[in-house]
């Protein structure tokens, strides 16, 4: 898969998860740091939405960049193993939590404003595992809206 195919597959997997949980999904026409916007279609007086920046990979990978700090309430969605949707893993974490997670493991992000790893350590996988999402457990994210 080339990088565009990986992103398309990751976006499809993530969108499918949201839709299966009755979470509405909007796709910005232009990508300027937000790949998806999710929102609840509950009848209420207030419209709440969460912007999502997607990071998809054919294996396991994690990256973060300080350029995303400008988006309030931005959440990072990491979709691993997009080549085999049945083995895909999805992690959804707020940008601030992703920064904290990164800084707990390395000071590279603090010094350079970005960080990427294509082979996360066992310690990293353990730390990010609490942000793993599957069909049926998106309620926490939606309740935060």
N, C-alpha and C. Protein backbone atom coordinates (compact mmCIF):
# COMPACT_ATOMS: atom_id res chain seq x y z
N UNK A 1 0.84 -1.18 0.00
CA UNK A 1 0.00 0.00 0.00
C UNK A 1 0.88 1.25 0.00
N UNK A 2 0.51 2.23 -0.81
CA UNK A 2 1.23 3.49 -0.74
C UNK A 2 0.62 4.35 0.38
N UNK A 3 1.23 5.49 0.66
CA UNK A 3 0.79 6.30 1.81
C UNK A 3 -0.64 6.80 1.67
N UNK A 4 -1.08 7.11 0.45
CA UNK A 4 -2.46 7.55 0.28
C UNK A 4 -3.44 6.41 0.55
N UNK A 5 -3.10 5.21 0.10
CA UNK A 5 -3.96 4.06 0.35
C UNK A 5 -4.05 3.77 1.84
N UNK A 6 -2.94 3.90 2.54
CA UNK A 6 -2.92 3.67 3.99
C UNK A 6 -3.84 4.67 4.68
N UNK A 7 -3.76 5.95 4.29
CA UNK A 7 -4.62 6.96 4.91
C UNK A 7 -6.09 6.72 4.58
N UNK A 8 -6.39 6.36 3.34
CA UNK A 8 -7.78 6.09 2.95
C UNK A 8 -8.32 4.90 3.73
N UNK A 9 -7.54 3.84 3.82
CA UNK A 9 -7.98 2.65 4.56
C UNK A 9 -8.18 2.97 6.05
N UNK A 10 -7.24 3.71 6.62
CA UNK A 10 -7.36 4.09 8.03
C UNK A 10 -8.59 4.94 8.29
N UNK A 11 -8.83 5.89 7.40
CA UNK A 11 -10.00 6.77 7.55
C UNK A 11 -11.28 5.96 7.42
N UNK A 12 -11.29 4.98 6.53
CA UNK A 12 -12.48 4.14 6.35
C UNK A 12 -12.75 3.29 7.59
N UNK A 13 -11.70 2.71 8.15
CA UNK A 13 -11.84 1.89 9.36
C UNK A 13 -12.36 2.75 10.51
N UNK A 14 -11.77 3.92 10.69
CA UNK A 14 -12.18 4.81 11.78
C UNK A 14 -13.60 5.31 11.58
N UNK A 15 -13.93 5.72 10.36
CA UNK A 15 -15.29 6.19 10.07
C UNK A 15 -16.30 5.09 10.34
N UNK A 16 -15.99 3.88 9.93
CA UNK A 16 -16.89 2.74 10.16
C UNK A 16 -17.14 2.54 11.65
N UNK A 17 -16.10 2.66 12.45
CA UNK A 17 -16.25 2.51 13.90
C UNK A 17 -17.18 3.58 14.45
N UNK A 18 -16.95 4.82 14.08
CA UNK A 18 -17.79 5.90 14.57
C UNK A 18 -19.24 5.70 14.15
N UNK A 19 -19.48 5.41 12.89
CA UNK A 19 -20.84 5.24 12.38
C UNK A 19 -21.55 4.09 13.10
N UNK A 20 -20.82 3.00 13.36
CA UNK A 20 -21.43 1.86 14.05
C UNK A 20 -21.84 2.21 15.48
N UNK A 21 -21.28 3.27 16.03
CA UNK A 21 -21.59 3.72 17.38
C UNK A 21 -22.56 4.91 17.38
N UNK A 22 -23.19 5.18 16.24
CA UNK A 22 -24.12 6.30 16.09
C UNK A 22 -23.47 7.65 16.34
N UNK A 23 -22.21 7.76 15.98
CA UNK A 23 -21.48 9.02 16.05
C UNK A 23 -21.41 9.56 14.63
N UNK A 24 -21.83 10.81 14.46
CA UNK A 24 -21.81 11.43 13.14
C UNK A 24 -20.39 11.80 12.76
N UNK A 25 -20.09 11.72 11.47
CA UNK A 25 -18.74 12.00 10.97
C UNK A 25 -18.82 13.00 9.82
N UNK A 26 -18.03 14.04 9.91
CA UNK A 26 -17.91 15.01 8.82
C UNK A 26 -16.46 15.00 8.34
N UNK A 27 -16.29 15.13 7.03
CA UNK A 27 -14.95 15.14 6.45
C UNK A 27 -14.68 16.51 5.85
N UNK A 28 -13.71 17.24 6.42
CA UNK A 28 -13.38 18.55 5.86
C UNK A 28 -12.95 18.41 4.39
N UNK A 29 -13.32 19.38 3.59
CA UNK A 29 -12.96 19.34 2.17
C UNK A 29 -11.45 19.46 2.01
N UNK A 30 -10.83 20.31 2.83
CA UNK A 30 -9.38 20.47 2.78
C UNK A 30 -8.76 19.95 4.07
N UNK A 31 -7.57 19.37 3.95
CA UNK A 31 -6.87 18.85 5.12
C UNK A 31 -5.82 19.88 5.55
N UNK A 32 -6.15 20.59 6.62
CA UNK A 32 -5.21 21.56 7.18
C UNK A 32 -4.88 21.19 8.62
N UNK A 33 -4.93 19.89 8.90
CA UNK A 33 -4.61 19.41 10.24
C UNK A 33 -5.75 18.67 10.91
N UNK A 34 -6.92 18.75 10.32
CA UNK A 34 -8.07 18.01 10.85
C UNK A 34 -8.58 17.10 9.73
N UNK A 35 -8.59 15.80 10.01
CA UNK A 35 -9.02 14.83 9.00
C UNK A 35 -10.50 14.52 9.08
N UNK A 36 -11.04 14.47 10.29
CA UNK A 36 -12.45 14.17 10.51
C UNK A 36 -12.97 15.05 11.65
N UNK A 37 -14.26 15.25 11.65
CA UNK A 37 -14.92 15.91 12.78
C UNK A 37 -16.05 15.00 13.20
N UNK A 38 -16.04 14.62 14.47
CA UNK A 38 -17.13 13.77 14.95
C UNK A 38 -18.02 14.59 15.86
N UNK A 39 -19.30 14.23 15.85
CA UNK A 39 -20.25 14.93 16.69
C UNK A 39 -21.43 14.02 16.98
N UNK A 40 -22.09 14.34 18.04
CA UNK A 40 -23.26 13.58 18.43
C UNK A 40 -24.48 14.24 17.83
N UNK A 41 -25.43 13.44 17.44
CA UNK A 41 -26.66 13.95 16.84
C UNK A 41 -27.78 13.97 17.88
N UNK A 42 -27.40 14.06 19.14
CA UNK A 42 -28.40 14.12 20.21
C UNK A 42 -29.13 15.45 20.13
N UNK A 43 -30.37 15.42 20.51
CA UNK A 43 -31.11 16.70 20.53
C UNK A 43 -30.75 17.43 21.81
N UNK A 44 -30.01 18.50 21.66
CA UNK A 44 -29.65 19.33 22.80
C UNK A 44 -29.49 20.76 22.31
N UNK A 45 -29.35 21.64 23.25
CA UNK A 45 -29.22 23.05 22.89
C UNK A 45 -27.83 23.41 22.39
N UNK A 46 -26.86 22.56 22.66
CA UNK A 46 -25.49 22.88 22.35
C UNK A 46 -24.90 21.88 21.35
N UNK A 47 -24.23 22.39 20.33
CA UNK A 47 -23.56 21.54 19.35
C UNK A 47 -22.13 21.31 19.82
N UNK A 48 -21.75 20.07 19.98
CA UNK A 48 -20.40 19.72 20.40
C UNK A 48 -19.77 18.84 19.34
N UNK A 49 -18.52 19.14 19.03
CA UNK A 49 -17.80 18.35 18.03
C UNK A 49 -16.37 18.15 18.48
N UNK A 50 -15.76 17.08 18.00
CA UNK A 50 -14.37 16.78 18.30
C UNK A 50 -13.62 16.66 16.98
N UNK A 51 -12.59 17.50 16.78
CA UNK A 51 -11.76 17.36 15.58
C UNK A 51 -10.78 16.20 15.77
N UNK A 52 -10.58 15.47 14.71
CA UNK A 52 -9.72 14.28 14.74
C UNK A 52 -8.59 14.42 13.73
N UNK A 53 -7.37 14.17 14.17
CA UNK A 53 -6.22 14.06 13.27
C UNK A 53 -5.88 12.57 13.22
N UNK A 54 -5.90 12.00 12.03
CA UNK A 54 -5.69 10.57 11.83
C UNK A 54 -4.23 10.28 11.51
N UNK A 55 -3.72 9.24 12.13
CA UNK A 55 -2.40 8.70 11.82
C UNK A 55 -2.59 7.20 11.61
N UNK A 56 -2.48 6.78 10.36
CA UNK A 56 -2.70 5.38 10.03
C UNK A 56 -1.39 4.74 9.59
N UNK A 57 -1.25 3.45 9.89
CA UNK A 57 -0.04 2.74 9.48
C UNK A 57 -0.36 1.27 9.21
N UNK A 58 0.47 0.67 8.39
CA UNK A 58 0.27 -0.75 8.05
C UNK A 58 0.74 -1.66 9.18
N UNK A 59 1.55 -1.15 10.07
CA UNK A 59 1.99 -1.90 11.24
C UNK A 59 1.59 -1.12 12.48
N UNK A 60 2.56 -0.83 13.31
CA UNK A 60 2.34 0.00 14.49
C UNK A 60 3.18 1.25 14.32
N UNK A 61 2.61 2.38 14.69
CA UNK A 61 3.36 3.62 14.57
C UNK A 61 2.71 4.71 15.39
N UNK A 62 3.51 5.68 15.75
CA UNK A 62 3.02 6.80 16.54
C UNK A 62 3.78 8.04 16.11
N UNK A 63 3.07 9.12 15.93
CA UNK A 63 3.73 10.39 15.65
C UNK A 63 2.89 11.52 16.22
N UNK A 64 3.57 12.59 16.52
CA UNK A 64 2.90 13.78 17.05
C UNK A 64 3.72 14.99 16.63
N UNK A 65 3.03 16.10 16.41
CA UNK A 65 3.71 17.31 15.96
C UNK A 65 3.08 18.51 16.66
N UNK A 66 3.91 19.45 17.06
CA UNK A 66 3.42 20.63 17.76
C UNK A 66 2.53 21.51 16.89
N UNK A 67 2.55 21.32 15.57
CA UNK A 67 1.70 22.13 14.69
C UNK A 67 0.21 21.89 14.97
N UNK A 68 -0.11 20.77 15.62
CA UNK A 68 -1.51 20.46 15.93
C UNK A 68 -1.99 21.11 17.21
N UNK A 69 -1.10 21.71 17.98
CA UNK A 69 -1.47 22.32 19.27
C UNK A 69 -2.47 23.45 19.11
N UNK A 70 -2.55 24.04 17.95
CA UNK A 70 -3.43 25.20 17.74
C UNK A 70 -4.91 24.84 17.66
N UNK A 71 -5.24 23.56 17.56
CA UNK A 71 -6.63 23.15 17.43
C UNK A 71 -7.21 22.77 18.80
N UNK A 72 -8.15 23.55 19.32
CA UNK A 72 -8.74 23.21 20.61
C UNK A 72 -9.45 21.85 20.56
N UNK A 73 -9.28 21.08 21.60
CA UNK A 73 -9.95 19.78 21.76
C UNK A 73 -9.59 18.77 20.67
N UNK A 74 -8.47 18.95 20.00
CA UNK A 74 -8.06 17.99 18.97
C UNK A 74 -7.76 16.64 19.59
N UNK A 75 -8.23 15.60 18.93
CA UNK A 75 -7.91 14.23 19.32
C UNK A 75 -7.12 13.57 18.21
N UNK A 76 -6.16 12.77 18.62
CA UNK A 76 -5.34 12.01 17.68
C UNK A 76 -5.92 10.60 17.60
N UNK A 77 -6.10 10.10 16.40
CA UNK A 77 -6.58 8.74 16.20
C UNK A 77 -5.48 7.96 15.49
N UNK A 78 -4.99 6.93 16.13
CA UNK A 78 -3.95 6.08 15.56
C UNK A 78 -4.61 4.76 15.15
N UNK A 79 -4.53 4.45 13.87
CA UNK A 79 -5.09 3.19 13.36
C UNK A 79 -3.91 2.35 12.88
N UNK A 80 -3.71 1.23 13.55
CA UNK A 80 -2.60 0.33 13.23
C UNK A 80 -3.12 -0.86 12.43
N UNK A 81 -2.25 -1.44 11.64
CA UNK A 81 -2.55 -2.65 10.85
C UNK A 81 -3.70 -2.42 9.87
N UNK A 82 -3.67 -1.31 9.15
CA UNK A 82 -4.77 -1.01 8.25
C UNK A 82 -4.86 -1.97 7.07
N UNK A 83 -3.80 -2.70 6.79
CA UNK A 83 -3.83 -3.67 5.69
C UNK A 83 -4.72 -4.86 5.97
N UNK A 84 -5.03 -5.10 7.22
CA UNK A 84 -5.90 -6.21 7.62
C UNK A 84 -6.91 -5.68 8.64
N UNK A 85 -8.06 -5.19 8.15
CA UNK A 85 -9.03 -4.55 9.06
C UNK A 85 -9.44 -5.40 10.26
N UNK A 86 -9.41 -6.72 10.12
CA UNK A 86 -9.78 -7.57 11.26
C UNK A 86 -8.72 -7.53 12.37
N UNK A 87 -7.50 -7.14 12.01
CA UNK A 87 -6.43 -7.04 13.00
C UNK A 87 -6.12 -5.60 13.37
N UNK A 88 -6.89 -4.67 12.82
CA UNK A 88 -6.64 -3.27 13.10
C UNK A 88 -6.84 -2.94 14.57
N UNK A 89 -6.03 -2.01 15.04
CA UNK A 89 -6.16 -1.50 16.40
C UNK A 89 -6.34 0.01 16.30
N UNK A 90 -7.22 0.54 17.11
CA UNK A 90 -7.52 1.96 17.08
C UNK A 90 -7.30 2.55 18.47
N UNK A 91 -6.53 3.63 18.49
CA UNK A 91 -6.26 4.36 19.73
C UNK A 91 -6.68 5.80 19.51
N UNK A 92 -7.50 6.32 20.40
CA UNK A 92 -7.94 7.71 20.30
C UNK A 92 -7.56 8.41 21.60
N UNK A 93 -6.80 9.48 21.44
CA UNK A 93 -6.19 10.15 22.58
C UNK A 93 -6.21 11.66 22.30
N UNK A 94 -6.45 12.45 23.31
CA UNK A 94 -6.42 13.89 23.09
C UNK A 94 -4.99 14.30 22.75
N UNK A 95 -4.88 15.41 22.07
CA UNK A 95 -3.55 15.91 21.72
C UNK A 95 -2.70 16.10 22.98
N UNK A 96 -3.30 16.69 24.02
CA UNK A 96 -2.56 16.93 25.26
C UNK A 96 -2.09 15.62 25.89
N UNK A 97 -2.94 14.60 25.86
CA UNK A 97 -2.54 13.29 26.41
C UNK A 97 -1.42 12.67 25.57
N UNK A 98 -1.47 12.86 24.27
CA UNK A 98 -0.41 12.33 23.40
C UNK A 98 0.92 13.02 23.71
N UNK A 99 0.88 14.32 23.97
CA UNK A 99 2.09 15.04 24.35
C UNK A 99 2.63 14.50 25.67
N UNK A 100 1.76 14.33 26.66
CA UNK A 100 2.18 13.80 27.96
C UNK A 100 2.77 12.40 27.82
N UNK A 101 2.12 11.57 27.02
CA UNK A 101 2.61 10.20 26.80
C UNK A 101 3.99 10.23 26.17
N UNK A 102 4.16 11.07 25.17
CA UNK A 102 5.45 11.18 24.49
C UNK A 102 6.52 11.68 25.45
N UNK A 103 6.20 12.73 26.20
CA UNK A 103 7.19 13.29 27.12
C UNK A 103 7.54 12.35 28.26
N UNK A 104 6.65 11.41 28.58
CA UNK A 104 6.96 10.41 29.61
C UNK A 104 8.03 9.45 29.12
N UNK A 105 8.17 9.33 27.80
CA UNK A 105 9.12 8.37 27.23
C UNK A 105 10.38 9.02 26.67
N UNK A 106 10.26 10.24 26.20
CA UNK A 106 11.41 10.88 25.56
C UNK A 106 11.28 12.39 25.66
N UNK A 107 12.38 13.06 25.72
CA UNK A 107 12.39 14.52 25.72
C UNK A 107 12.59 15.06 24.30
N UNK A 108 12.65 14.18 23.30
CA UNK A 108 12.84 14.61 21.92
C UNK A 108 11.73 15.55 21.48
N UNK A 109 10.49 15.22 21.83
CA UNK A 109 9.36 16.07 21.43
C UNK A 109 9.50 17.47 22.02
N UNK A 110 9.85 17.54 23.30
CA UNK A 110 10.00 18.82 23.97
C UNK A 110 11.05 19.69 23.27
N UNK A 111 12.12 19.08 22.83
CA UNK A 111 13.21 19.83 22.20
C UNK A 111 12.92 20.19 20.74
N UNK A 112 12.22 19.32 20.01
CA UNK A 112 12.09 19.49 18.56
C UNK A 112 10.67 19.76 18.07
N UNK A 113 9.66 19.54 18.90
CA UNK A 113 8.29 19.82 18.49
C UNK A 113 7.63 18.75 17.66
N UNK A 114 8.31 17.65 17.45
CA UNK A 114 7.70 16.51 16.77
C UNK A 114 8.36 15.23 17.25
N UNK A 115 7.69 14.14 17.01
CA UNK A 115 8.22 12.84 17.41
C UNK A 115 7.50 11.77 16.60
N UNK A 116 8.26 10.78 16.16
CA UNK A 116 7.67 9.66 15.42
C UNK A 116 8.44 8.38 15.72
N UNK A 117 7.71 7.29 15.79
CA UNK A 117 8.32 5.99 16.01
C UNK A 117 7.54 4.96 15.19
N UNK A 118 8.26 4.10 14.47
CA UNK A 118 7.60 3.06 13.67
C UNK A 118 7.63 1.70 14.36
N UNK A 119 8.42 1.59 15.41
CA UNK A 119 8.45 0.35 16.20
C UNK A 119 8.34 0.72 17.67
N UNK A 120 7.10 0.97 18.12
CA UNK A 120 6.93 1.37 19.53
C UNK A 120 7.43 0.28 20.49
N UNK A 121 8.02 0.72 21.58
CA UNK A 121 8.52 -0.21 22.60
C UNK A 121 7.35 -0.86 23.35
N UNK A 122 7.66 -1.91 24.07
CA UNK A 122 6.62 -2.56 24.88
C UNK A 122 6.07 -1.59 25.92
N UNK A 123 6.94 -0.75 26.47
CA UNK A 123 6.50 0.23 27.46
C UNK A 123 5.51 1.22 26.82
N UNK A 124 5.84 1.67 25.61
CA UNK A 124 4.94 2.60 24.92
C UNK A 124 3.59 1.94 24.65
N UNK A 125 3.61 0.71 24.15
CA UNK A 125 2.36 -0.01 23.84
C UNK A 125 1.53 -0.18 25.11
N UNK A 126 2.18 -0.46 26.22
CA UNK A 126 1.46 -0.57 27.49
C UNK A 126 0.82 0.77 27.87
N UNK A 127 1.53 1.86 27.71
CA UNK A 127 1.00 3.18 28.06
C UNK A 127 -0.16 3.61 27.16
N UNK A 128 -0.06 3.32 25.86
CA UNK A 128 -1.12 3.75 24.94
C UNK A 128 -2.32 2.81 24.97
N UNK A 129 -2.14 1.62 25.50
CA UNK A 129 -3.21 0.62 25.47
C UNK A 129 -4.49 1.08 26.19
N UNK A 130 -4.37 1.97 27.15
CA UNK A 130 -5.58 2.43 27.84
C UNK A 130 -6.44 3.33 26.96
N UNK A 131 -5.91 3.73 25.81
CA UNK A 131 -6.66 4.56 24.87
C UNK A 131 -7.18 3.74 23.68
N UNK A 132 -7.11 2.41 23.79
CA UNK A 132 -7.57 1.54 22.71
C UNK A 132 -9.09 1.54 22.65
N UNK A 133 -9.62 1.63 21.44
CA UNK A 133 -11.06 1.65 21.23
C UNK A 133 -11.48 0.51 20.32
N UNK A 134 -12.62 -0.04 20.62
CA UNK A 134 -13.20 -1.10 19.81
C UNK A 134 -14.67 -0.80 19.63
N UNK A 135 -15.30 -1.51 18.72
CA UNK A 135 -16.74 -1.34 18.53
C UNK A 135 -17.42 -1.61 19.86
N UNK A 136 -18.28 -0.70 20.27
CA UNK A 136 -19.02 -0.87 21.50
C UNK A 136 -18.47 -0.09 22.67
N UNK A 137 -17.28 0.50 22.54
CA UNK A 137 -16.78 1.24 23.70
C UNK A 137 -16.43 2.69 23.38
N UNK A 138 -17.15 3.28 22.46
CA UNK A 138 -16.92 4.69 22.10
C UNK A 138 -17.70 5.63 23.02
N UNK A 139 -18.47 5.10 23.93
CA UNK A 139 -19.32 5.94 24.77
C UNK A 139 -18.52 6.95 25.58
N UNK A 140 -17.33 6.60 26.04
CA UNK A 140 -16.51 7.53 26.82
C UNK A 140 -16.17 8.79 26.02
N UNK A 141 -15.81 8.58 24.77
CA UNK A 141 -15.46 9.71 23.93
C UNK A 141 -16.67 10.58 23.66
N UNK A 142 -17.80 9.96 23.39
CA UNK A 142 -19.02 10.71 23.10
C UNK A 142 -19.52 11.43 24.34
N UNK A 143 -19.40 10.81 25.51
CA UNK A 143 -19.84 11.46 26.75
C UNK A 143 -19.06 12.73 27.03
N UNK A 144 -17.83 12.78 26.53
CA UNK A 144 -17.00 13.97 26.73
C UNK A 144 -17.46 15.14 25.87
N UNK A 145 -18.34 14.88 24.93
CA UNK A 145 -18.79 15.95 24.02
C UNK A 145 -19.70 16.93 24.73
